[in-house]
Amino acid sequence: MRSELSGRETTAVIAATEKWLESFDIRKPEDAHHLLEGLWVYQQHNVLNRDLLKKLLNSPEAHARLAAQRVQYMWDHNKSAPGPAPVDEQVNAAPTPPEGAIVLRTVIEKMKYDVESFTVAAGSPVKLWFYNPDYMPHNLVIGQPGSAESIGPAAEAMGADGFNKAFVPEHDQVLVASKLLMHKEAELIEFTAPTKPGKYDFLCTFPGHWKLMRGTMIVE
């Protein structure tokens, strides 16, 4: 939702978001990620919504509370501009990747990774450094060739339980997966590349993300 609304006029976006949020209940764990999406729309458009923030700070879902705490910090410490910092500032503030690791980042406010593909040698050890400068949580799941269309819906079907499992479903086509990374968190993922050459899918399985946040791991 947030990606589709990013380029639209703020007044109309906020009005639509308020109406959309009316259908969710903060007391229901399964509604937590929808309410978070709404909070991030406010964040993206530099509009404060303290009432929604307060509700999420008291969410029954721990990940929702943590994400709300991040937004609260930004709003409390940068009142004149509660939205995300400029992209160049985020890049300059990024931690240094481990030497020799393949680097993959999220793109701020774009619901995408910064690379569409990377290449590894079949059967070789792989070090993949994943960094999330975005204000939304994201993960990185690598699956078999053509598996994104199956893994993505399986993750969305996890509902509220997904927060406890980083929205990584128990799926026979999942090869490796990261944690659910919050703003400015990074993870070094180490695994052995498949022995069979091919084009393997990678995607973010946080609800609503997988259709846009995807790419290809080329094994050759």
N, C-alpha and C. Protein backbone atom coordinates (compact mmCIF):
# COMPACT_ATOMS: atom_id res chain seq x y z
N MET A 1 0.82 -1.21 0.00
CA MET A 1 0.00 0.00 0.00
C MET A 1 0.86 1.26 0.00
N ARG A 2 1.90 1.27 0.84
CA ARG A 2 2.69 2.48 1.01
C ARG A 2 3.39 2.89 -0.28
N SER A 3 3.88 1.90 -1.03
CA SER A 3 4.57 2.20 -2.28
C SER A 3 3.62 2.86 -3.27
N GLU A 4 2.39 2.40 -3.34
CA GLU A 4 1.42 2.95 -4.28
C GLU A 4 1.04 4.38 -3.92
N LEU A 5 1.09 4.72 -2.63
CA LEU A 5 0.64 6.03 -2.18
C LEU A 5 1.75 7.06 -2.10
N SER A 6 3.00 6.64 -2.30
CA SER A 6 4.13 7.52 -2.04
C SER A 6 4.12 8.78 -2.89
N GLY A 7 3.62 8.69 -4.13
CA GLY A 7 3.68 9.85 -5.00
C GLY A 7 2.40 10.66 -5.06
N ARG A 8 1.44 10.32 -4.23
CA ARG A 8 0.14 11.00 -4.28
C ARG A 8 0.06 12.16 -3.29
N GLU A 9 -0.94 12.98 -3.46
CA GLU A 9 -1.11 14.19 -2.66
C GLU A 9 -1.43 13.81 -1.21
N THR A 10 -0.75 14.48 -0.28
CA THR A 10 -0.80 14.08 1.13
C THR A 10 -2.20 14.11 1.72
N THR A 11 -2.96 15.18 1.48
CA THR A 11 -4.29 15.29 2.08
C THR A 11 -5.18 14.11 1.69
N ALA A 12 -5.15 13.75 0.42
CA ALA A 12 -5.97 12.63 -0.05
C ALA A 12 -5.48 11.31 0.51
N VAL A 13 -4.17 11.15 0.59
CA VAL A 13 -3.59 9.91 1.12
C VAL A 13 -3.97 9.72 2.58
N ILE A 14 -3.84 10.76 3.37
CA ILE A 14 -4.14 10.65 4.80
C ILE A 14 -5.63 10.37 5.02
N ALA A 15 -6.47 11.02 4.25
CA ALA A 15 -7.92 10.78 4.38
C ALA A 15 -8.25 9.32 4.05
N ALA A 16 -7.65 8.80 3.00
CA ALA A 16 -7.90 7.41 2.61
C ALA A 16 -7.34 6.45 3.66
N THR A 17 -6.19 6.78 4.21
CA THR A 17 -5.57 5.93 5.23
C THR A 17 -6.43 5.88 6.49
N GLU A 18 -6.93 7.02 6.91
CA GLU A 18 -7.80 7.06 8.10
C GLU A 18 -9.02 6.17 7.91
N LYS A 19 -9.61 6.22 6.74
CA LYS A 19 -10.80 5.40 6.47
C LYS A 19 -10.43 3.91 6.46
N TRP A 20 -9.29 3.61 5.85
CA TRP A 20 -8.83 2.22 5.77
C TRP A 20 -8.54 1.64 7.15
N LEU A 21 -7.97 2.45 8.03
CA LEU A 21 -7.60 1.97 9.37
C LEU A 21 -8.81 1.68 10.25
N GLU A 22 -9.96 2.24 9.91
CA GLU A 22 -11.17 2.02 10.70
C GLU A 22 -11.58 0.55 10.74
N SER A 23 -11.13 -0.23 9.79
CA SER A 23 -11.55 -1.63 9.70
C SER A 23 -10.69 -2.57 10.56
N PHE A 24 -9.70 -2.01 11.27
CA PHE A 24 -8.80 -2.85 12.07
C PHE A 24 -8.92 -2.55 13.55
N ASP A 25 -8.63 -3.57 14.36
CA ASP A 25 -8.77 -3.48 15.80
C ASP A 25 -7.40 -3.69 16.45
N ILE A 26 -6.91 -2.70 17.19
CA ILE A 26 -5.60 -2.78 17.81
C ILE A 26 -5.52 -3.95 18.79
N ARG A 27 -6.64 -4.43 19.29
CA ARG A 27 -6.64 -5.53 20.24
C ARG A 27 -6.41 -6.89 19.57
N LYS A 28 -6.52 -6.94 18.26
CA LYS A 28 -6.36 -8.19 17.53
C LYS A 28 -4.92 -8.30 17.00
N PRO A 29 -4.18 -9.30 17.44
CA PRO A 29 -2.80 -9.44 16.97
C PRO A 29 -2.69 -9.53 15.45
N GLU A 30 -3.69 -10.16 14.80
CA GLU A 30 -3.62 -10.32 13.36
C GLU A 30 -3.76 -9.00 12.59
N ASP A 31 -4.20 -7.94 13.29
CA ASP A 31 -4.33 -6.63 12.64
C ASP A 31 -3.10 -5.75 12.82
N ALA A 32 -2.11 -6.24 13.55
CA ALA A 32 -0.96 -5.40 13.89
C ALA A 32 -0.21 -4.89 12.67
N HIS A 33 0.05 -5.77 11.68
CA HIS A 33 0.86 -5.32 10.55
C HIS A 33 0.10 -4.33 9.68
N HIS A 34 -1.24 -4.44 9.63
CA HIS A 34 -2.04 -3.46 8.88
C HIS A 34 -1.95 -2.08 9.53
N LEU A 35 -2.05 -2.06 10.84
CA LEU A 35 -1.97 -0.79 11.55
C LEU A 35 -0.57 -0.18 11.43
N LEU A 36 0.45 -1.03 11.41
CA LEU A 36 1.82 -0.54 11.19
C LEU A 36 1.96 0.08 9.82
N GLU A 37 1.36 -0.55 8.82
CA GLU A 37 1.40 0.02 7.47
C GLU A 37 0.80 1.42 7.49
N GLY A 38 -0.30 1.58 8.22
CA GLY A 38 -0.92 2.89 8.32
C GLY A 38 -0.01 3.90 9.00
N LEU A 39 0.66 3.47 10.07
CA LEU A 39 1.57 4.37 10.77
C LEU A 39 2.71 4.82 9.85
N TRP A 40 3.22 3.90 9.04
CA TRP A 40 4.31 4.26 8.13
C TRP A 40 3.85 5.18 7.00
N VAL A 41 2.57 5.11 6.64
CA VAL A 41 2.06 6.07 5.66
C VAL A 41 2.11 7.48 6.26
N TYR A 42 1.70 7.62 7.52
CA TYR A 42 1.80 8.93 8.20
C TYR A 42 3.26 9.37 8.26
N GLN A 43 4.16 8.42 8.59
CA GLN A 43 5.57 8.74 8.68
C GLN A 43 6.11 9.23 7.33
N GLN A 44 5.73 8.54 6.28
CA GLN A 44 6.21 8.86 4.95
C GLN A 44 5.77 10.25 4.51
N HIS A 45 4.54 10.63 4.89
CA HIS A 45 3.99 11.92 4.47
C HIS A 45 4.19 13.02 5.52
N ASN A 46 5.04 12.74 6.51
CA ASN A 46 5.38 13.74 7.52
C ASN A 46 4.16 14.29 8.27
N VAL A 47 3.23 13.41 8.57
CA VAL A 47 2.01 13.78 9.30
C VAL A 47 2.00 13.01 10.62
N LEU A 48 1.91 13.74 11.74
CA LEU A 48 1.88 13.10 13.05
C LEU A 48 0.50 12.52 13.35
N ASN A 49 0.47 11.31 13.89
CA ASN A 49 -0.76 10.71 14.37
C ASN A 49 -0.44 10.05 15.71
N ARG A 50 -0.47 10.87 16.75
CA ARG A 50 -0.09 10.40 18.08
C ARG A 50 -1.05 9.34 18.62
N ASP A 51 -2.32 9.42 18.22
CA ASP A 51 -3.29 8.46 18.72
C ASP A 51 -2.97 7.07 18.18
N LEU A 52 -2.70 6.97 16.88
CA LEU A 52 -2.34 5.69 16.30
C LEU A 52 -1.02 5.19 16.88
N LEU A 53 -0.07 6.09 17.05
CA LEU A 53 1.22 5.72 17.64
C LEU A 53 1.02 5.13 19.03
N LYS A 54 0.21 5.78 19.85
CA LYS A 54 -0.04 5.30 21.22
C LYS A 54 -0.65 3.90 21.20
N LYS A 55 -1.58 3.68 20.29
CA LYS A 55 -2.21 2.36 20.20
C LYS A 55 -1.18 1.29 19.86
N LEU A 56 -0.30 1.59 18.92
CA LEU A 56 0.69 0.61 18.51
C LEU A 56 1.77 0.40 19.57
N LEU A 57 2.03 1.42 20.38
CA LEU A 57 2.98 1.25 21.49
C LEU A 57 2.44 0.27 22.53
N ASN A 58 1.12 0.04 22.48
CA ASN A 58 0.48 -0.90 23.40
C ASN A 58 -0.09 -2.11 22.67
N SER A 59 0.44 -2.38 21.49
CA SER A 59 -0.02 -3.51 20.69
C SER A 59 0.29 -4.83 21.38
N PRO A 60 -0.55 -5.84 21.19
CA PRO A 60 -0.24 -7.17 21.74
C PRO A 60 0.93 -7.84 21.03
N GLU A 61 1.37 -7.27 19.90
CA GLU A 61 2.49 -7.84 19.15
C GLU A 61 3.79 -7.11 19.46
N ALA A 62 4.79 -7.84 19.89
CA ALA A 62 6.06 -7.24 20.28
C ALA A 62 6.73 -6.50 19.13
N HIS A 63 6.69 -7.05 17.92
CA HIS A 63 7.31 -6.38 16.79
C HIS A 63 6.61 -5.07 16.46
N ALA A 64 5.31 -5.04 16.64
CA ALA A 64 4.57 -3.80 16.40
C ALA A 64 4.96 -2.74 17.43
N ARG A 65 5.12 -3.15 18.67
CA ARG A 65 5.53 -2.20 19.71
C ARG A 65 6.92 -1.65 19.41
N LEU A 66 7.83 -2.53 18.99
CA LEU A 66 9.18 -2.10 18.68
C LEU A 66 9.20 -1.11 17.52
N ALA A 67 8.45 -1.42 16.47
CA ALA A 67 8.39 -0.53 15.32
C ALA A 67 7.81 0.83 15.72
N ALA A 68 6.79 0.81 16.57
CA ALA A 68 6.18 2.06 17.03
C ALA A 68 7.17 2.88 17.86
N GLN A 69 8.00 2.20 18.64
CA GLN A 69 9.01 2.91 19.43
C GLN A 69 9.99 3.64 18.53
N ARG A 70 10.33 3.04 17.38
CA ARG A 70 11.23 3.69 16.43
C ARG A 70 10.60 4.97 15.88
N VAL A 71 9.33 4.88 15.53
CA VAL A 71 8.63 6.05 15.00
C VAL A 71 8.51 7.12 16.08
N GLN A 72 8.21 6.72 17.31
CA GLN A 72 8.12 7.67 18.41
C GLN A 72 9.43 8.41 18.60
N TYR A 73 10.54 7.69 18.52
CA TYR A 73 11.84 8.33 18.68
C TYR A 73 12.06 9.38 17.60
N MET A 74 11.74 9.03 16.37
CA MET A 74 11.93 9.97 15.27
C MET A 74 11.05 11.21 15.43
N TRP A 75 9.80 11.00 15.82
CA TRP A 75 8.89 12.13 15.98
C TRP A 75 9.30 13.01 17.15
N ASP A 76 9.77 12.40 18.22
CA ASP A 76 10.14 13.17 19.40
C ASP A 76 11.45 13.93 19.23
N HIS A 77 12.35 13.42 18.38
CA HIS A 77 13.67 14.03 18.24
C HIS A 77 13.85 14.81 16.95
N ASN A 78 12.82 14.86 16.14
CA ASN A 78 12.91 15.62 14.89
C ASN A 78 11.53 16.16 14.55
N LYS A 79 11.00 16.96 15.42
CA LYS A 79 9.62 17.41 15.29
C LYS A 79 9.38 18.24 14.03
N SER A 80 10.38 18.94 13.57
CA SER A 80 10.16 19.77 12.39
C SER A 80 10.05 18.95 11.12
N ALA A 81 10.61 17.74 11.13
CA ALA A 81 10.57 16.88 9.95
C ALA A 81 10.53 15.43 10.39
N PRO A 82 9.31 14.94 10.76
CA PRO A 82 9.21 13.60 11.32
C PRO A 82 9.46 12.49 10.33
N GLY A 83 9.59 12.79 9.06
CA GLY A 83 9.78 11.76 8.05
C GLY A 83 11.20 11.25 8.01
N PRO A 84 11.47 10.32 7.09
CA PRO A 84 12.79 9.72 6.99
C PRO A 84 13.86 10.73 6.61
N ALA A 85 15.07 10.45 7.04
CA ALA A 85 16.20 11.30 6.66
C ALA A 85 16.51 11.11 5.19
N PRO A 86 17.19 12.06 4.56
CA PRO A 86 17.55 11.93 3.16
C PRO A 86 18.35 10.66 2.91
N VAL A 87 18.23 10.15 1.68
CA VAL A 87 18.88 8.89 1.32
C VAL A 87 20.38 8.96 1.53
N ASP A 88 21.03 10.09 1.13
CA ASP A 88 22.48 10.16 1.28
C ASP A 88 22.90 10.11 2.74
N GLU A 89 22.07 10.69 3.61
CA GLU A 89 22.37 10.63 5.05
C GLU A 89 22.29 9.20 5.55
N GLN A 90 21.28 8.45 5.08
CA GLN A 90 21.13 7.07 5.50
C GLN A 90 22.30 6.23 5.03
N VAL A 91 22.72 6.42 3.78
CA VAL A 91 23.82 5.63 3.24
C VAL A 91 25.10 5.92 4.00
N ASN A 92 25.37 7.20 4.28
CA ASN A 92 26.58 7.57 4.99
C ASN A 92 26.60 7.01 6.42
N ALA A 93 25.41 6.80 6.99
CA ALA A 93 25.34 6.32 8.36
C ALA A 93 25.34 4.79 8.44
N ALA A 94 25.37 4.12 7.29
CA ALA A 94 25.27 2.67 7.26
C ALA A 94 26.53 2.02 7.83
N PRO A 95 26.38 0.89 8.52
CA PRO A 95 27.56 0.17 9.00
C PRO A 95 28.35 -0.41 7.84
N THR A 96 29.59 -0.76 8.10
CA THR A 96 30.46 -1.28 7.06
C THR A 96 30.23 -2.78 6.88
N PRO A 97 29.99 -3.23 5.64
CA PRO A 97 29.78 -4.66 5.40
C PRO A 97 31.05 -5.45 5.67
N PRO A 98 30.92 -6.71 6.06
CA PRO A 98 32.10 -7.56 6.25
C PRO A 98 32.85 -7.73 4.93
N GLU A 99 34.15 -7.82 5.00
CA GLU A 99 34.97 -7.98 3.80
C GLU A 99 34.63 -9.28 3.08
N GLY A 100 34.46 -9.19 1.77
CA GLY A 100 34.19 -10.36 0.96
C GLY A 100 32.73 -10.77 0.88
N ALA A 101 31.85 -10.05 1.55
CA ALA A 101 30.43 -10.41 1.54
C ALA A 101 29.71 -9.76 0.36
N ILE A 102 28.74 -10.46 -0.17
CA ILE A 102 27.82 -9.86 -1.13
C ILE A 102 26.91 -8.92 -0.35
N VAL A 103 26.72 -7.71 -0.85
CA VAL A 103 25.95 -6.69 -0.12
C VAL A 103 24.60 -6.47 -0.78
N LEU A 104 23.56 -6.50 0.03
CA LEU A 104 22.20 -6.26 -0.46
C LEU A 104 21.49 -5.39 0.56
N ARG A 105 20.92 -4.29 0.12
CA ARG A 105 20.22 -3.34 1.00
C ARG A 105 18.78 -3.14 0.52
N THR A 106 17.95 -2.63 1.40
CA THR A 106 16.63 -2.15 0.98
C THR A 106 16.78 -0.70 0.51
N VAL A 107 15.83 -0.26 -0.30
CA VAL A 107 15.82 1.13 -0.77
C VAL A 107 14.77 1.88 0.01
N ILE A 108 15.16 3.00 0.61
CA ILE A 108 14.26 3.76 1.47
C ILE A 108 13.03 4.22 0.71
N GLU A 109 11.86 3.92 1.27
CA GLU A 109 10.57 4.36 0.75
C GLU A 109 10.23 3.84 -0.64
N LYS A 110 10.92 2.81 -1.11
CA LYS A 110 10.67 2.33 -2.47
C LYS A 110 10.15 0.89 -2.52
N MET A 111 10.10 0.21 -1.39
CA MET A 111 9.62 -1.17 -1.35
C MET A 111 10.38 -2.04 -2.36
N LYS A 112 11.73 -1.96 -2.31
CA LYS A 112 12.55 -2.76 -3.21
C LYS A 112 13.94 -2.94 -2.62
N TYR A 113 14.68 -3.89 -3.17
CA TYR A 113 16.08 -4.07 -2.83
C TYR A 113 16.93 -3.22 -3.78
N ASP A 114 18.17 -2.95 -3.38
CA ASP A 114 19.01 -2.09 -4.21
C ASP A 114 19.68 -2.85 -5.36
N VAL A 115 19.56 -4.16 -5.37
CA VAL A 115 20.04 -4.94 -6.51
C VAL A 115 18.94 -5.90 -6.95
N GLU A 116 18.86 -6.12 -8.25
CA GLU A 116 17.85 -7.02 -8.79
C GLU A 116 18.37 -8.46 -8.88
N SER A 117 19.71 -8.62 -8.89
CA SER A 117 20.26 -9.96 -8.97
C SER A 117 21.70 -9.96 -8.46
N PHE A 118 22.15 -11.12 -8.04
CA PHE A 118 23.56 -11.34 -7.71
C PHE A 118 23.91 -12.76 -8.10
N THR A 119 25.19 -13.00 -8.30
CA THR A 119 25.64 -14.30 -8.82
C THR A 119 26.57 -14.99 -7.83
N VAL A 120 26.37 -16.30 -7.66
CA VAL A 120 27.22 -17.12 -6.80
C VAL A 120 27.63 -18.37 -7.56
N ALA A 121 28.71 -18.98 -7.14
CA ALA A 121 29.17 -20.22 -7.76
C ALA A 121 28.45 -21.41 -7.13
N ALA A 122 28.03 -22.35 -7.97
CA ALA A 122 27.31 -23.53 -7.48
C ALA A 122 28.12 -24.28 -6.43
N GLY A 123 27.47 -24.59 -5.32
CA GLY A 123 28.08 -25.36 -4.25
C GLY A 123 29.09 -24.62 -3.41
N SER A 124 29.25 -23.33 -3.61
CA SER A 124 30.25 -22.55 -2.89
C SER A 124 29.68 -21.95 -1.61
N PRO A 125 30.54 -21.67 -0.60
CA PRO A 125 30.06 -20.95 0.59
C PRO A 125 29.75 -19.50 0.23
N VAL A 126 28.67 -18.99 0.77
CA VAL A 126 28.22 -17.63 0.45
C VAL A 126 28.09 -16.82 1.74
N LYS A 127 28.59 -15.60 1.70
CA LYS A 127 28.36 -14.63 2.76
C LYS A 127 27.56 -13.48 2.17
N LEU A 128 26.35 -13.30 2.67
CA LEU A 128 25.45 -12.27 2.15
C LEU A 128 25.11 -11.31 3.27
N TRP A 129 25.49 -10.06 3.12
CA TRP A 129 25.23 -9.04 4.14
C TRP A 129 24.00 -8.25 3.75
N PHE A 130 22.97 -8.32 4.59
CA PHE A 130 21.69 -7.69 4.32
C PHE A 130 21.48 -6.54 5.32
N TYR A 131 21.25 -5.34 4.78
CA TYR A 131 21.09 -4.14 5.62
C TYR A 131 19.78 -3.45 5.28
N ASN A 132 19.04 -3.03 6.31
CA ASN A 132 17.75 -2.39 6.11
C ASN A 132 17.77 -0.94 6.60
N PRO A 133 18.00 0.05 5.73
CA PRO A 133 17.94 1.45 6.13
C PRO A 133 16.51 2.00 6.14
N ASP A 134 15.55 1.24 5.63
CA ASP A 134 14.16 1.70 5.54
C ASP A 134 13.53 1.71 6.93
N TYR A 135 12.41 2.43 7.06
CA TYR A 135 11.71 2.52 8.34
C TYR A 135 10.71 1.40 8.53
N MET A 136 10.49 0.60 7.51
CA MET A 136 9.63 -0.56 7.63
C MET A 136 10.49 -1.80 7.85
N PRO A 137 9.94 -2.83 8.51
CA PRO A 137 10.70 -4.07 8.65
C PRO A 137 10.74 -4.83 7.33
N HIS A 138 11.85 -5.47 7.07
CA HIS A 138 11.99 -6.29 5.86
C HIS A 138 12.81 -7.52 6.20
N ASN A 139 12.61 -8.58 5.44
CA ASN A 139 13.47 -9.75 5.55
C ASN A 139 13.98 -10.11 4.16
N LEU A 140 14.75 -11.17 4.09
CA LEU A 140 15.28 -11.66 2.83
C LEU A 140 15.17 -13.17 2.84
N VAL A 141 14.35 -13.68 1.94
CA VAL A 141 14.12 -15.12 1.86
C VAL A 141 14.57 -15.59 0.47
N ILE A 142 15.40 -16.60 0.43
CA ILE A 142 15.86 -17.17 -0.83
C ILE A 142 15.18 -18.52 -1.02
N GLY A 143 14.58 -18.69 -2.20
CA GLY A 143 13.87 -19.93 -2.48
C GLY A 143 14.28 -20.55 -3.80
N GLN A 144 13.70 -21.66 -4.08
CA GLN A 144 13.96 -22.37 -5.33
C GLN A 144 13.54 -21.52 -6.54
N PRO A 145 14.03 -21.86 -7.73
CA PRO A 145 13.60 -21.14 -8.93
C PRO A 145 12.07 -21.13 -9.08
N GLY A 146 11.52 -19.94 -9.31
CA GLY A 146 10.07 -19.81 -9.51
C GLY A 146 9.23 -19.99 -8.26
N SER A 147 9.84 -19.88 -7.09
CA SER A 147 9.11 -20.17 -5.84
C SER A 147 8.42 -18.96 -5.22
N ALA A 148 8.73 -17.74 -5.67
CA ALA A 148 8.20 -16.53 -5.02
C ALA A 148 6.67 -16.53 -5.00
N GLU A 149 6.05 -16.99 -6.06
CA GLU A 149 4.58 -16.96 -6.14
C GLU A 149 3.94 -17.93 -5.17
N SER A 150 4.71 -18.84 -4.63
CA SER A 150 4.19 -19.78 -3.64
C SER A 150 4.59 -19.38 -2.22
N ILE A 151 5.85 -18.95 -2.06
CA ILE A 151 6.34 -18.57 -0.73
C ILE A 151 5.64 -17.31 -0.23
N GLY A 152 5.47 -16.30 -1.10
CA GLY A 152 4.85 -15.03 -0.69
C GLY A 152 3.47 -15.21 -0.07
N PRO A 153 2.53 -15.86 -0.78
CA PRO A 153 1.20 -16.08 -0.18
C PRO A 153 1.25 -16.93 1.08
N ALA A 154 2.17 -17.88 1.15
CA ALA A 154 2.28 -18.71 2.36
C ALA A 154 2.67 -17.86 3.55
N ALA A 155 3.54 -16.87 3.33
CA ALA A 155 3.94 -15.98 4.43
C ALA A 155 2.77 -15.11 4.87
N GLU A 156 2.01 -14.59 3.92
CA GLU A 156 0.86 -13.75 4.26
C GLU A 156 -0.19 -14.54 5.04
N ALA A 157 -0.29 -15.84 4.76
CA ALA A 157 -1.28 -16.68 5.44
C ALA A 157 -0.91 -16.97 6.89
N MET A 158 0.31 -16.60 7.30
CA MET A 158 0.74 -16.85 8.67
C MET A 158 -0.01 -15.98 9.68
N GLY A 159 -0.55 -14.84 9.23
CA GLY A 159 -1.27 -13.96 10.14
C GLY A 159 -0.39 -13.41 11.24
N ALA A 160 -0.96 -13.23 12.41
CA ALA A 160 -0.23 -12.63 13.53
C ALA A 160 0.94 -13.48 13.98
N ASP A 161 0.85 -14.80 13.78
CA ASP A 161 1.94 -15.68 14.18
C ASP A 161 3.22 -15.40 13.39
N GLY A 162 3.06 -14.72 12.26
CA GLY A 162 4.22 -14.41 11.44
C GLY A 162 5.24 -13.55 12.15
N PHE A 163 4.81 -12.67 13.04
CA PHE A 163 5.74 -11.81 13.76
C PHE A 163 6.74 -12.63 14.58
N ASN A 164 6.30 -13.76 15.10
CA ASN A 164 7.17 -14.59 15.92
C ASN A 164 8.12 -15.44 15.08
N LYS A 165 7.88 -15.52 13.78
CA LYS A 165 8.68 -16.36 12.91
C LYS A 165 9.30 -15.56 11.76
N ALA A 166 9.38 -14.23 11.94
CA ALA A 166 9.98 -13.34 10.94
C ALA A 166 9.27 -13.42 9.60
N PHE A 167 8.03 -13.89 9.61
CA PHE A 167 7.23 -14.08 8.40
C PHE A 167 7.93 -14.99 7.39
N VAL A 168 8.64 -15.99 7.92
CA VAL A 168 9.24 -17.02 7.07
C VAL A 168 8.40 -18.28 7.24
N PRO A 169 7.65 -18.67 6.23
CA PRO A 169 6.77 -19.82 6.38
C PRO A 169 7.53 -21.14 6.34
N GLU A 170 6.93 -22.17 6.92
CA GLU A 170 7.48 -23.52 6.78
C GLU A 170 7.12 -24.01 5.39
N HIS A 171 8.07 -23.91 4.49
CA HIS A 171 7.81 -24.14 3.07
C HIS A 171 8.99 -24.92 2.49
N ASP A 172 8.68 -25.97 1.74
CA ASP A 172 9.76 -26.83 1.25
C ASP A 172 10.63 -26.18 0.18
N GLN A 173 10.24 -25.00 -0.31
CA GLN A 173 11.04 -24.33 -1.32
C GLN A 173 11.90 -23.20 -0.75
N VAL A 174 11.80 -22.96 0.55
CA VAL A 174 12.65 -21.96 1.20
C VAL A 174 14.03 -22.56 1.44
N LEU A 175 15.07 -21.90 0.96
CA LEU A 175 16.43 -22.38 1.13
C LEU A 175 17.13 -21.74 2.32
N VAL A 176 17.00 -20.42 2.45
CA VAL A 176 17.65 -19.69 3.53
C VAL A 176 16.87 -18.40 3.76
N ALA A 177 16.91 -17.87 4.99
CA ALA A 177 16.15 -16.66 5.28
C ALA A 177 16.82 -15.86 6.38
N SER A 178 16.64 -14.56 6.32
CA SER A 178 17.14 -13.66 7.36
C SER A 178 16.12 -13.52 8.47
N LYS A 179 16.48 -12.77 9.47
CA LYS A 179 15.53 -12.34 10.49
C LYS A 179 14.69 -11.22 9.89
N LEU A 180 13.71 -10.76 10.64
CA LEU A 180 12.94 -9.58 10.25
C LEU A 180 13.71 -8.37 10.77
N LEU A 181 14.32 -7.62 9.87
CA LEU A 181 15.19 -6.52 10.27
C LEU A 181 14.40 -5.22 10.37
N MET A 182 14.61 -4.52 11.49
CA MET A 182 14.01 -3.22 11.67
C MET A 182 14.96 -2.15 11.11
N HIS A 183 14.59 -0.88 11.29
CA HIS A 183 15.35 0.24 10.76
C HIS A 183 16.81 0.21 11.21
N LYS A 184 17.73 0.26 10.23
CA LYS A 184 19.18 0.28 10.43
C LYS A 184 19.74 -1.00 11.05
N GLU A 185 19.02 -2.08 10.96
CA GLU A 185 19.55 -3.36 11.41
C GLU A 185 20.18 -4.10 10.23
N ALA A 186 21.18 -4.91 10.52
CA ALA A 186 21.88 -5.67 9.49
C ALA A 186 22.07 -7.10 9.96
N GLU A 187 22.26 -8.00 9.00
CA GLU A 187 22.50 -9.40 9.33
C GLU A 187 23.43 -10.00 8.28
N LEU A 188 24.40 -10.78 8.74
CA LEU A 188 25.26 -11.53 7.84
C LEU A 188 24.68 -12.94 7.72
N ILE A 189 24.27 -13.29 6.51
CA ILE A 189 23.66 -14.59 6.24
C ILE A 189 24.72 -15.47 5.57
N GLU A 190 25.02 -16.60 6.16
CA GLU A 190 26.01 -17.50 5.61
C GLU A 190 25.35 -18.83 5.25
N PHE A 191 25.59 -19.30 4.04
CA PHE A 191 24.99 -20.54 3.57
C PHE A 191 25.81 -21.10 2.42
N THR A 192 25.49 -22.30 2.02
CA THR A 192 26.13 -22.93 0.87
C THR A 192 25.20 -22.82 -0.33
N ALA A 193 25.72 -22.33 -1.43
CA ALA A 193 24.90 -22.15 -2.63
C ALA A 193 24.42 -23.51 -3.15
N PRO A 194 23.26 -23.54 -3.76
CA PRO A 194 22.80 -24.80 -4.37
C PRO A 194 23.80 -25.33 -5.38
N THR A 195 23.84 -26.64 -5.53
CA THR A 195 24.76 -27.25 -6.49
C THR A 195 24.22 -27.22 -7.91
N LYS A 196 22.93 -27.02 -8.05
CA LYS A 196 22.30 -26.99 -9.37
C LYS A 196 22.25 -25.56 -9.90
N PRO A 197 22.86 -25.27 -11.04
CA PRO A 197 22.78 -23.93 -11.62
C PRO A 197 21.35 -23.54 -11.95
N GLY A 198 21.08 -22.25 -11.88
CA GLY A 198 19.74 -21.77 -12.18
C GLY A 198 19.51 -20.38 -11.64
N LYS A 199 18.29 -19.91 -11.79
CA LYS A 199 17.89 -18.59 -11.31
C LYS A 199 16.95 -18.78 -10.13
N TYR A 200 17.44 -18.49 -8.94
CA TYR A 200 16.72 -18.71 -7.70
C TYR A 200 16.09 -17.39 -7.22
N ASP A 201 14.85 -17.48 -6.74
CA ASP A 201 14.13 -16.28 -6.31
C ASP A 201 14.60 -15.81 -4.93
N PHE A 202 14.66 -14.49 -4.73
CA PHE A 202 14.73 -13.96 -3.37
C PHE A 202 13.67 -12.88 -3.24
N LEU A 203 13.13 -12.73 -2.02
CA LEU A 203 12.00 -11.84 -1.81
C LEU A 203 11.88 -11.47 -0.34
N CYS A 204 11.13 -10.39 -0.09
CA CYS A 204 10.74 -10.01 1.27
C CYS A 204 9.35 -10.55 1.52
N THR A 205 9.18 -11.30 2.59
CA THR A 205 7.89 -11.94 2.85
C THR A 205 7.07 -11.24 3.93
N PHE A 206 7.48 -10.03 4.35
CA PHE A 206 6.59 -9.28 5.24
C PHE A 206 5.31 -9.00 4.47
N PRO A 207 4.12 -9.14 5.10
CA PRO A 207 2.86 -9.04 4.36
C PRO A 207 2.76 -7.80 3.48
N GLY A 208 2.38 -8.04 2.23
CA GLY A 208 2.19 -6.96 1.28
C GLY A 208 3.43 -6.56 0.51
N HIS A 209 4.58 -7.16 0.83
CA HIS A 209 5.84 -6.74 0.22
C HIS A 209 6.31 -7.62 -0.94
N TRP A 210 5.97 -8.90 -0.91
CA TRP A 210 6.63 -9.87 -1.79
C TRP A 210 6.40 -9.61 -3.28
N LYS A 211 5.30 -9.01 -3.64
CA LYS A 211 5.03 -8.78 -5.07
C LYS A 211 5.96 -7.73 -5.67
N LEU A 212 6.49 -6.83 -4.82
CA LEU A 212 7.38 -5.77 -5.29
C LEU A 212 8.83 -6.03 -4.92
N MET A 213 9.06 -6.57 -3.75
CA MET A 213 10.42 -6.78 -3.26
C MET A 213 10.90 -8.18 -3.61
N ARG A 214 11.48 -8.31 -4.80
CA ARG A 214 11.97 -9.61 -5.25
C ARG A 214 13.17 -9.43 -6.17
N GLY A 215 13.89 -10.49 -6.35
CA GLY A 215 15.05 -10.49 -7.22
C GLY A 215 15.48 -11.91 -7.52
N THR A 216 16.68 -12.03 -8.09
CA THR A 216 17.17 -13.32 -8.54
C THR A 216 18.60 -13.58 -8.07
N MET A 217 18.81 -14.74 -7.47
CA MET A 217 20.15 -15.22 -7.17
C MET A 217 20.54 -16.17 -8.30
N ILE A 218 21.53 -15.81 -9.06
CA ILE A 218 21.98 -16.63 -10.19
C ILE A 218 23.06 -17.58 -9.72
N VAL A 219 22.82 -18.84 -9.87
CA VAL A 219 23.81 -19.86 -9.51
C VAL A 219 24.39 -20.42 -10.80
N GLU A 220 25.72 -20.33 -10.89
CA GLU A 220 26.35 -20.83 -12.12
C GLU A 220 27.68 -21.52 -11.81
